[in-house]
Protein backbone atom coordinates (compact mmCIF):
# COMPACT_ATOMS: atom_id res chain seq x y z
CA MET A 1 -48.20 69.24 -104.09
CA SER A 2 -50.67 66.61 -103.75
CA ASN A 3 -50.06 63.17 -101.97
CA ASP A 4 -50.35 61.22 -105.20
CA SER A 5 -47.66 63.38 -106.72
CA LYS A 6 -45.33 63.01 -103.75
CA CYS A 7 -45.76 59.17 -103.61
CA PHE A 8 -45.08 58.94 -107.25
CA GLN A 9 -41.90 60.99 -107.11
CA GLU A 10 -40.78 58.74 -104.17
CA ARG A 11 -41.28 55.66 -106.28
CA VAL A 12 -39.34 57.11 -109.20
CA ALA A 13 -36.51 58.05 -106.89
CA LYS A 14 -36.53 54.29 -105.32
CA LEU A 15 -36.60 52.95 -108.88
CA ARG A 16 -33.67 55.14 -109.83
CA ASN A 17 -31.50 54.05 -106.58
CA LEU A 18 -32.48 50.42 -107.48
CA ARG A 19 -31.33 50.84 -110.97
CA GLU A 20 -28.00 52.33 -109.97
CA LYS A 21 -27.40 49.68 -107.45
CA LEU A 22 -28.04 46.87 -109.96
CA CYS A 23 -25.73 48.70 -112.77
CA THR A 24 -22.97 48.61 -110.13
CA GLN A 25 -23.52 44.90 -109.15
CA SER A 26 -23.61 44.07 -112.68
CA SER A 27 -20.30 45.75 -113.63
CA GLU A 28 -18.55 43.97 -110.67
CA GLN A 29 -20.09 40.52 -111.76
CA LYS A 30 -18.53 41.15 -115.12
CA VAL A 31 -15.21 41.87 -113.73
CA GLY A 32 -15.48 38.64 -111.58
CA PHE A 33 -16.41 36.39 -114.59
CA GLU A 34 -13.44 37.84 -116.55
CA VAL A 35 -11.15 37.06 -114.00
CA ARG A 36 -12.66 33.54 -113.39
CA ASP A 37 -12.27 32.91 -117.17
CA PHE A 38 -8.67 33.93 -117.07
CA VAL A 39 -7.78 31.68 -114.17
CA VAL A 40 -9.60 28.85 -115.70
CA TYR A 41 -7.90 29.27 -119.23
CA GLU A 42 -4.53 29.48 -117.50
CA LEU A 43 -4.94 26.34 -115.23
CA GLN A 44 -6.41 24.35 -118.20
CA ASP A 45 -3.23 25.39 -120.10
CA MET A 46 -1.24 24.18 -117.19
CA HIS A 47 -3.27 21.11 -116.94
CA GLU A 48 -2.40 20.32 -120.68
CA GLN A 49 1.29 20.99 -120.44
CA LEU A 50 1.41 18.73 -117.12
CA SER A 51 -0.25 15.88 -118.73
CA LYS A 52 1.80 15.60 -121.80
CA PRO A 53 3.34 12.09 -121.84
CA ASN A 54 7.06 13.50 -122.42
CA SER A 55 6.64 15.61 -119.18
CA ASP A 56 8.49 12.89 -117.11
CA THR A 57 9.87 15.43 -114.87
CA THR A 58 6.47 16.87 -113.79
CA PRO A 59 5.58 15.84 -110.20
CA GLU A 60 2.47 14.18 -110.06
CA TRP A 61 1.33 16.13 -107.07
CA CYS A 62 1.50 19.12 -109.26
CA ARG A 63 -0.65 17.71 -112.15
CA GLU A 64 -3.36 16.48 -109.60
CA LYS A 65 -3.43 19.65 -107.72
CA VAL A 66 -4.19 21.55 -111.03
CA GLU A 67 -6.77 19.08 -112.02
CA TYR A 68 -8.22 19.36 -108.34
CA ILE A 69 -8.62 23.24 -108.76
CA LEU A 70 -10.29 22.82 -112.14
CA ASP A 71 -12.59 20.20 -110.79
CA GLY A 72 -13.68 22.53 -108.10
CA LEU A 73 -14.27 25.19 -110.77
CA LEU A 74 -16.13 22.57 -112.81
CA SER A 75 -13.63 23.19 -115.76
CA VAL A 76 -11.44 20.11 -116.01
CA PRO A 77 -10.43 20.03 -119.72
CA GLU A 78 -11.04 16.80 -121.49
CA THR A 79 -7.82 14.99 -122.22
CA THR A 80 -7.35 12.33 -124.82
CA THR A 81 -4.94 9.46 -124.38
CA THR A 82 -3.43 7.39 -127.02
CA GLY A 83 -3.11 3.63 -126.56
CA ASP A 84 0.41 2.37 -126.37
């Protein structure tokens, strides 16, 4: 086997290993994004429920904590307030 042929085979093997590694990382990232999306959606729902005007029993710290977490995730939902 010539050196050129051996070198080519080594390069192909390295590329296959790199492709496999990237595919593994990609699937792990996909799962991570799905989990993040789920958590953000649920926190946004909680924020909406806690921000309703008729939720007088809701502790202010709870609403603020959910808002703080969403702010950290850059996913604070826009709330609309009506004038009294």
